[in-house]
Amino acid sequence: RKERQAQERTLKDVADAARISMPYLSE
């Protein structure tokens, strides 16, 4: 979470790039 926020990226953006669901990444 800290790295994602430091890059100013959204959960959706990172989840899409990682090819995992956004709710799962949030969990």
PDB file of all heavy atoms in Angstrom:
ATOM      1  N   ARG A   1       0.831  -1.209   0.000  1.00  0.00           N
ATOM      2  CA  ARG A   1       0.000   0.000   0.000  1.00  0.00           C
ATOM      3  C   ARG A   1       0.870   1.265   0.000  1.00  0.00           C
ATOM      4  O   ARG A   1       0.623   2.193  -0.773  1.00  0.00           O
ATOM      5  CB  ARG A   1      -0.933   0.036   1.221  1.00  0.00           C
ATOM      6  CG  ARG A   1      -1.834   1.280   1.202  1.00  0.00           C
ATOM      7  CD  ARG A   1      -2.731   1.442   2.422  1.00  0.00           C
ATOM      8  NE  ARG A   1      -3.419   0.224   2.793  1.00  0.00           N
ATOM      9  CZ  ARG A   1      -3.107  -0.531   3.870  1.00  0.00           C
ATOM     10  NH1 ARG A   1      -2.123  -0.173   4.669  1.00  0.00           N
ATOM     11  NH2 ARG A   1      -3.795  -1.616   4.140  1.00  0.00           N
ATOM     12  N   LYS A   2       1.906   1.285   0.827  1.00  0.00           N
ATOM     13  CA  LYS A   2       2.780   2.467   0.882  1.00  0.00           C
ATOM     14  C   LYS A   2       3.451   2.720  -0.474  1.00  0.00           C
ATOM     15  O   LYS A   2       3.554   3.863  -0.916  1.00  0.00           O
ATOM     16  CB  LYS A   2       3.832   2.306   1.977  1.00  0.00           C
ATOM     17  CG  LYS A   2       3.269   2.463   3.367  1.00  0.00           C
ATOM     18  CD  LYS A   2       4.326   2.206   4.433  1.00  0.00           C
ATOM     19  CE  LYS A   2       3.718   2.216   5.815  1.00  0.00           C
ATOM     20  NZ  LYS A   2       4.678   1.825   6.850  1.00  0.00           N
ATOM     21  N   GLU A   3       3.902   1.644  -1.124  1.00  0.00           N
ATOM     22  CA  GLU A   3       4.548   1.800  -2.433  1.00  0.00           C
ATOM     23  C   GLU A   3       3.544   2.284  -3.478  1.00  0.00           C
ATOM     24  O   GLU A   3       3.840   3.165  -4.274  1.00  0.00           O
ATOM     25  CB  GLU A   3       5.199   0.489  -2.875  1.00  0.00           C
ATOM     26  CG  GLU A   3       5.919   0.587  -4.196  1.00  0.00           C
ATOM     27  CD  GLU A   3       7.055   1.610  -4.227  1.00  0.00           C
ATOM     28  OE1 GLU A   3       7.674   1.856  -3.168  1.00  0.00           O
ATOM     29  OE2 GLU A   3       7.320   2.164  -5.315  1.00  0.00           O
ATOM     30  N   ARG A   4       2.350   1.706  -3.468  1.00  0.00           N
ATOM     31  CA  ARG A   4       1.317   2.130  -4.421  1.00  0.00           C
ATOM     32  C   ARG A   4       0.977   3.606  -4.213  1.00  0.00           C
ATOM     33  O   ARG A   4       0.882   4.380  -5.172  1.00  0.00           O
ATOM     34  CB  ARG A   4       0.052   1.268  -4.263  1.00  0.00           C
ATOM     35  CG  ARG A   4      -1.073   1.663  -5.218  1.00  0.00           C
ATOM     36  CD  ARG A   4      -2.291   0.801  -5.047  1.00  0.00           C
ATOM     37  NE  ARG A   4      -2.860   0.801  -3.718  1.00  0.00           N
ATOM     38  CZ  ARG A   4      -3.617   1.793  -3.206  1.00  0.00           C
ATOM     39  NH1 ARG A   4      -3.878   2.861  -3.914  1.00  0.00           N
ATOM     40  NH2 ARG A   4      -4.109   1.690  -1.989  1.00  0.00           N
ATOM     41  N   GLN A   5       0.811   4.016  -2.969  1.00  0.00           N
ATOM     42  CA  GLN A   5       0.474   5.411  -2.681  1.00  0.00           C
ATOM     43  C   GLN A   5       1.639   6.345  -2.999  1.00  0.00           C
ATOM     44  O   GLN A   5       1.420   7.467  -3.470  1.00  0.00           O
ATOM     45  CB  GLN A   5       0.044   5.557  -1.222  1.00  0.00           C
ATOM     46  CG  GLN A   5      -1.298   4.907  -0.944  1.00  0.00           C
ATOM     47  CD  GLN A   5      -1.669   4.885   0.526  1.00  0.00           C
ATOM     48  OE1 GLN A   5      -0.822   5.006   1.403  1.00  0.00           O
ATOM     49  NE2 GLN A   5      -2.954   4.704   0.788  1.00  0.00           N
ATOM     50  N   ALA A   6       2.861   5.879  -2.762  1.00  0.00           N
ATOM     51  CA  ALA A   6       4.036   6.703  -3.101  1.00  0.00           C
ATOM     52  C   ALA A   6       4.104   6.954  -4.607  1.00  0.00           C
ATOM     53  O   ALA A   6       4.554   8.008  -5.054  1.00  0.00           O
ATOM     54  CB  ALA A   6       5.316   6.023  -2.620  1.00  0.00           C
ATOM     55  N   GLN A   7       3.632   5.989  -5.401  1.00  0.00           N
ATOM     56  CA  GLN A   7       3.596   6.138  -6.855  1.00  0.00           C
ATOM     57  C   GLN A   7       2.327   6.841  -7.325  1.00  0.00           C
ATOM     58  O   GLN A   7       2.138   7.037  -8.524  1.00  0.00           O
ATOM     59  CB  GLN A   7       3.687   4.757  -7.520  1.00  0.00           C
ATOM     60  CG  GLN A   7       5.003   4.055  -7.301  1.00  0.00           C
ATOM     61  CD  GLN A   7       5.066   2.702  -7.986  1.00  0.00           C
ATOM     62  OE1 GLN A   7       4.242   2.363  -8.842  1.00  0.00           O
ATOM     63  NE2 GLN A   7       6.066   1.904  -7.625  1.00  0.00           N
ATOM     64  N   GLU A   8       1.467   7.205  -6.385  1.00  0.00           N
ATOM     65  CA  GLU A   8       0.194   7.879  -6.666  1.00  0.00           C
ATOM     66  C   GLU A   8      -0.636   7.088  -7.672  1.00  0.00           C
ATOM     67  O   GLU A   8      -1.189   7.634  -8.628  1.00  0.00           O
ATOM     68  CB  GLU A   8       0.429   9.319  -7.127  1.00  0.00           C
ATOM     69  CG  GLU A   8       1.120  10.173  -6.079  1.00  0.00           C
ATOM     70  CD  GLU A   8       1.353  11.612  -6.531  1.00  0.00           C
ATOM     71  OE1 GLU A   8       1.123  11.934  -7.708  1.00  0.00           O
ATOM     72  OE2 GLU A   8       1.765  12.403  -5.669  1.00  0.00           O
ATOM     73  N   ARG A   9      -0.733   5.788  -7.427  1.00  0.00           N
ATOM     74  CA  ARG A   9      -1.508   4.903  -8.304  1.00  0.00           C
ATOM     75  C   ARG A   9      -2.733   4.390  -7.562  1.00  0.00           C
ATOM     76  O   ARG A   9      -2.731   4.275  -6.344  1.00  0.00           O
ATOM     77  CB  ARG A   9      -0.633   3.746  -8.769  1.00  0.00           C
ATOM     78  CG  ARG A   9       0.473   4.261  -9.694  1.00  0.00           C
ATOM     79  CD  ARG A   9       1.438   3.196 -10.106  1.00  0.00           C
ATOM     80  NE  ARG A   9       0.792   2.191 -10.945  1.00  0.00           N
ATOM     81  CZ  ARG A   9       1.417   1.066 -11.285  1.00  0.00           C
ATOM     82  NH1 ARG A   9       2.650   0.817 -10.885  1.00  0.00           N
ATOM     83  NH2 ARG A   9       0.797   0.189 -12.045  1.00  0.00           N
ATOM     84  N   THR A  10      -3.754   4.072  -8.313  1.00  0.00           N
ATOM     85  CA  THR A  10      -4.989   3.564  -7.731  1.00  0.00           C
ATOM     86  C   THR A  10      -4.915   2.049  -7.577  1.00  0.00           C
ATOM     87  O   THR A  10      -4.105   1.375  -8.234  1.00  0.00           O
ATOM     88  CB  THR A  10      -6.202   3.910  -8.613  1.00  0.00           C
ATOM     89  OG1 THR A  10      -6.068   3.224  -9.857  1.00  0.00           O
ATOM     90  CG2 THR A  10      -6.332   5.412  -8.828  1.00  0.00           C
ATOM     91  N   LEU A  11      -5.780   1.528  -6.724  1.00  0.00           N
ATOM     92  CA  LEU A  11      -5.910   0.080  -6.585  1.00  0.00           C
ATOM     93  C   LEU A  11      -6.234  -0.558  -7.932  1.00  0.00           C
ATOM     94  O   LEU A  11      -5.663  -1.580  -8.294  1.00  0.00           O
ATOM     95  CB  LEU A  11      -7.028  -0.254  -5.593  1.00  0.00           C
ATOM     96  CG  LEU A  11      -6.655  -0.512  -4.142  1.00  0.00           C
ATOM     97  CD1 LEU A  11      -7.910  -0.634  -3.288  1.00  0.00           C
ATOM     98  CD2 LEU A  11      -5.796  -1.738  -4.004  1.00  0.00           C
ATOM     99  N   LYS A  12      -7.156   0.066  -8.671  1.00  0.00           N
ATOM    100  CA  LYS A  12      -7.586  -0.477  -9.969  1.00  0.00           C
ATOM    101  C   LYS A  12      -6.416  -0.560 -10.939  1.00  0.00           C
ATOM    102  O   LYS A  12      -6.224  -1.577 -11.615  1.00  0.00           O
ATOM    103  CB  LYS A  12      -8.713   0.363 -10.558  1.00  0.00           C
ATOM    104  CG  LYS A  12      -9.212  -0.171 -11.897  1.00  0.00           C
ATOM    105  CD  LYS A  12     -10.471   0.515 -12.351  1.00  0.00           C
ATOM    106  CE  LYS A  12     -10.998   0.056 -13.681  1.00  0.00           C
ATOM    107  NZ  LYS A  12     -10.535  -1.176 -14.250  1.00  0.00           N
ATOM    108  N   ASP A  13      -5.617   0.486 -10.995  1.00  0.00           N
ATOM    109  CA  ASP A  13      -4.475   0.516 -11.899  1.00  0.00           C
ATOM    110  C   ASP A  13      -3.491  -0.613 -11.582  1.00  0.00           C
ATOM    111  O   ASP A  13      -3.066  -1.355 -12.475  1.00  0.00           O
ATOM    112  CB  ASP A  13      -3.782   1.887 -11.799  1.00  0.00           C
ATOM    113  CG  ASP A  13      -2.531   1.971 -12.633  1.00  0.00           C
ATOM    114  OD1 ASP A  13      -2.528   1.462 -13.771  1.00  0.00           O
ATOM    115  OD2 ASP A  13      -1.542   2.563 -12.141  1.00  0.00           O
ATOM    116  N   VAL A  14      -3.154  -0.761 -10.319  1.00  0.00           N
ATOM    117  CA  VAL A  14      -2.180  -1.794  -9.924  1.00  0.00           C
ATOM    118  C   VAL A  14      -2.779  -3.191 -10.093  1.00  0.00           C
ATOM    119  O   VAL A  14      -2.106  -4.103 -10.588  1.00  0.00           O
ATOM    120  CB  VAL A  14      -1.683  -1.559  -8.481  1.00  0.00           C
ATOM    121  CG1 VAL A  14      -0.780  -2.696  -8.011  1.00  0.00           C
ATOM    122  CG2 VAL A  14      -0.941  -0.224  -8.386  1.00  0.00           C
ATOM    123  N   ALA A  15      -4.039  -3.355  -9.717  1.00  0.00           N
ATOM    124  CA  ALA A  15      -4.690  -4.662  -9.870  1.00  0.00           C
ATOM    125  C   ALA A  15      -4.748  -5.068 -11.342  1.00  0.00           C
ATOM    126  O   ALA A  15      -4.484  -6.227 -11.681  1.00  0.00           O
ATOM    127  CB  ALA A  15      -6.089  -4.627  -9.255  1.00  0.00           C
ATOM    128  N   ASP A  16      -5.087  -4.132 -12.213  1.00  0.00           N
ATOM    129  CA  ASP A  16      -5.127  -4.424 -13.654  1.00  0.00           C
ATOM    130  C   ASP A  16      -3.746  -4.809 -14.174  1.00  0.00           C
ATOM    131  O   ASP A  16      -3.602  -5.768 -14.933  1.00  0.00           O
ATOM    132  CB  ASP A  16      -5.664  -3.231 -14.443  1.00  0.00           C
ATOM    133  CG  ASP A  16      -7.161  -3.011 -14.252  1.00  0.00           C
ATOM    134  OD1 ASP A  16      -7.850  -3.917 -13.707  1.00  0.00           O
ATOM    135  OD2 ASP A  16      -7.651  -1.924 -14.623  1.00  0.00           O
ATOM    136  N   ALA A  17      -2.738  -4.075 -13.761  1.00  0.00           N
ATOM    137  CA  ALA A  17      -1.370  -4.366 -14.214  1.00  0.00           C
ATOM    138  C   ALA A  17      -0.888  -5.722 -13.682  1.00  0.00           C
ATOM    139  O   ALA A  17      -0.133  -6.422 -14.363  1.00  0.00           O
ATOM    140  CB  ALA A  17      -0.423  -3.254 -13.764  1.00  0.00           C
ATOM    141  N   ALA A  18      -1.329  -6.076 -12.476  1.00  0.00           N
ATOM    142  CA  ALA A  18      -0.921  -7.348 -11.874  1.00  0.00           C
ATOM    143  C   ALA A  18      -1.803  -8.516 -12.321  1.00  0.00           C
ATOM    144  O   ALA A  18      -1.479  -9.672 -12.034  1.00  0.00           O
ATOM    145  CB  ALA A  18      -0.979  -7.235 -10.355  1.00  0.00           C
ATOM    146  N   ARG A  19      -2.909  -8.177 -12.988  1.00  0.00           N
ATOM    147  CA  ARG A  19      -3.884  -9.173 -13.436  1.00  0.00           C
ATOM    148  C   ARG A  19      -4.483  -9.950 -12.270  1.00  0.00           C
ATOM    149  O   ARG A  19      -4.624 -11.169 -12.310  1.00  0.00           O
ATOM    150  CB  ARG A  19      -3.264 -10.105 -14.462  1.00  0.00           C
ATOM    151  CG  ARG A  19      -2.758  -9.323 -15.686  1.00  0.00           C
ATOM    152  CD  ARG A  19      -2.340 -10.185 -16.800  1.00  0.00           C
ATOM    153  NE  ARG A  19      -3.552 -10.832 -17.337  1.00  0.00           N
ATOM    154  CZ  ARG A  19      -3.537 -11.712 -18.290  1.00  0.00           C
ATOM    155  NH1 ARG A  19      -2.409 -12.068 -18.842  1.00  0.00           N
ATOM    156  NH2 ARG A  19      -4.652 -12.254 -18.731  1.00  0.00           N
ATOM    157  N   ILE A  20      -4.804  -9.192 -11.206  1.00  0.00           N
ATOM    158  CA  ILE A  20      -5.551  -9.743 -10.070  1.00  0.00           C
ATOM    159  C   ILE A  20      -6.736  -8.824  -9.824  1.00  0.00           C
ATOM    160  O   ILE A  20      -6.746  -7.678 -10.280  1.00  0.00           O
ATOM    161  CB  ILE A  20      -4.676  -9.885  -8.793  1.00  0.00           C
ATOM    162  CG1 ILE A  20      -4.041  -8.556  -8.386  1.00  0.00           C
ATOM    163  CG2 ILE A  20      -3.601 -10.936  -8.985  1.00  0.00           C
ATOM    164  CD1 ILE A  20      -3.195  -8.637  -7.134  1.00  0.00           C
ATOM    165  N   SER A  21      -7.734  -9.314  -9.129  1.00  0.00           N
ATOM    166  CA  SER A  21      -8.929  -8.490  -8.930  1.00  0.00           C
ATOM    167  C   SER A  21      -8.641  -7.356  -7.942  1.00  0.00           C
ATOM    168  O   SER A  21      -7.840  -7.507  -7.018  1.00  0.00           O
ATOM    169  CB  SER A  21     -10.098  -9.335  -8.429  1.00  0.00           C
ATOM    170  OG  SER A  21      -9.938  -9.662  -7.074  1.00  0.00           O
ATOM    171  N   MET A  22      -9.310  -6.248  -8.176  1.00  0.00           N
ATOM    172  CA  MET A  22      -9.143  -5.088  -7.301  1.00  0.00           C
ATOM    173  C   MET A  22      -9.575  -5.400  -5.860  1.00  0.00           C
ATOM    174  O   MET A  22      -8.841  -5.056  -4.926  1.00  0.00           O
ATOM    175  CB  MET A  22      -9.914  -3.888  -7.852  1.00  0.00           C
ATOM    176  CG  MET A  22      -9.636  -2.617  -7.091  1.00  0.00           C
ATOM    177  SD  MET A  22     -10.472  -1.188  -7.774  1.00  0.00           S
ATOM    178  CE  MET A  22     -12.165  -1.539  -7.400  1.00  0.00           C
ATOM    179  N   PRO A  23     -10.728  -6.068  -5.637  1.00  0.00           N
ATOM    180  CA  PRO A  23     -11.090  -6.388  -4.253  1.00  0.00           C
ATOM    181  C   PRO A  23     -10.066  -7.293  -3.567  1.00  0.00           C
ATOM    182  O   PRO A  23      -9.784  -7.127  -2.377  1.00  0.00           O
ATOM    183  CB  PRO A  23     -12.442  -7.097  -4.376  1.00  0.00           C
ATOM    184  CG  PRO A  23     -13.002  -6.634  -5.667  1.00  0.00           C
ATOM    185  CD  PRO A  23     -11.807  -6.414  -6.572  1.00  0.00           C
ATOM    186  N   TYR A  24      -9.484  -8.227  -4.315  1.00  0.00           N
ATOM    187  CA  TYR A  24      -8.480  -9.115  -3.717  1.00  0.00           C
ATOM    188  C   TYR A  24      -7.221  -8.329  -3.353  1.00  0.00           C
ATOM    189  O   TYR A  24      -6.673  -8.513  -2.257  1.00  0.00           O
ATOM    190  CB  TYR A  24      -8.134 -10.273  -4.654  1.00  0.00           C
ATOM    191  CG  TYR A  24      -7.282 -11.318  -3.981  1.00  0.00           C
ATOM    192  CD1 TYR A  24      -7.838 -12.194  -3.059  1.00  0.00           C
ATOM    193  CD2 TYR A  24      -5.929 -11.415  -4.246  1.00  0.00           C
ATOM    194  CE1 TYR A  24      -7.064 -13.140  -2.414  1.00  0.00           C
ATOM    195  CE2 TYR A  24      -5.140 -12.363  -3.616  1.00  0.00           C
ATOM    196  CZ  TYR A  24      -5.713 -13.225  -2.692  1.00  0.00           C
ATOM    197  OH  TYR A  24      -4.940 -14.156  -2.057  1.00  0.00           O
ATOM    198  N   LEU A  25      -6.767  -7.451  -4.223  1.00  0.00           N
ATOM    199  CA  LEU A  25      -5.602  -6.626  -3.904  1.00  0.00           C
ATOM    200  C   LEU A  25      -5.876  -5.761  -2.679  1.00  0.00           C
ATOM    201  O   LEU A  25      -5.008  -5.605  -1.818  1.00  0.00           O
ATOM    202  CB  LEU A  25      -5.204  -5.747  -5.094  1.00  0.00           C
ATOM    203  CG  LEU A  25      -3.995  -4.826  -4.869  1.00  0.00           C
ATOM    204  CD1 LEU A  25      -2.752  -5.626  -4.477  1.00  0.00           C
ATOM    205  CD2 LEU A  25      -3.732  -3.972  -6.097  1.00  0.00           C
ATOM    206  N   SER A  26      -7.079  -5.237  -2.580  1.00  0.00           N
ATOM    207  CA  SER A  26      -7.453  -4.443  -1.408  1.00  0.00           C
ATOM    208  C   SER A  26      -7.353  -5.271  -0.132  1.00  0.00           C
ATOM    209  O   SER A  26      -6.837  -4.815   0.888  1.00  0.00           O
ATOM    210  CB  SER A  26      -8.871  -3.897  -1.575  1.00  0.00           C
ATOM    211  OG  SER A  26      -9.296  -3.247  -0.398  1.00  0.00           O
ATOM    212  N   GLU A  27      -7.850  -6.514  -0.199  1.00  0.00           N
ATOM    213  CA  GLU A  27      -7.786  -7.411   0.968  1.00  0.00           C
ATOM    214  C   GLU A  27      -6.331  -7.734   1.330  1.00  0.00           C
ATOM    215  O   GLU A  27      -5.987  -7.810   2.511  1.00  0.00           O
ATOM    216  CB  GLU A  27      -8.552  -8.703   0.683  1.00  0.00           C
ATOM    217  CG  GLU A  27     -10.052  -8.511   0.532  1.00  0.00           C
ATOM    218  CD  GLU A  27     -10.751  -8.300   1.855  1.00  0.00           C
ATOM    219  OE1 GLU A  27     -10.705  -9.201   2.700  1.00  0.00           O
ATOM    220  OE2 GLU A  27     -11.351  -7.224   2.025  1.00  0.00           O
TER     221      GLU A  27
END
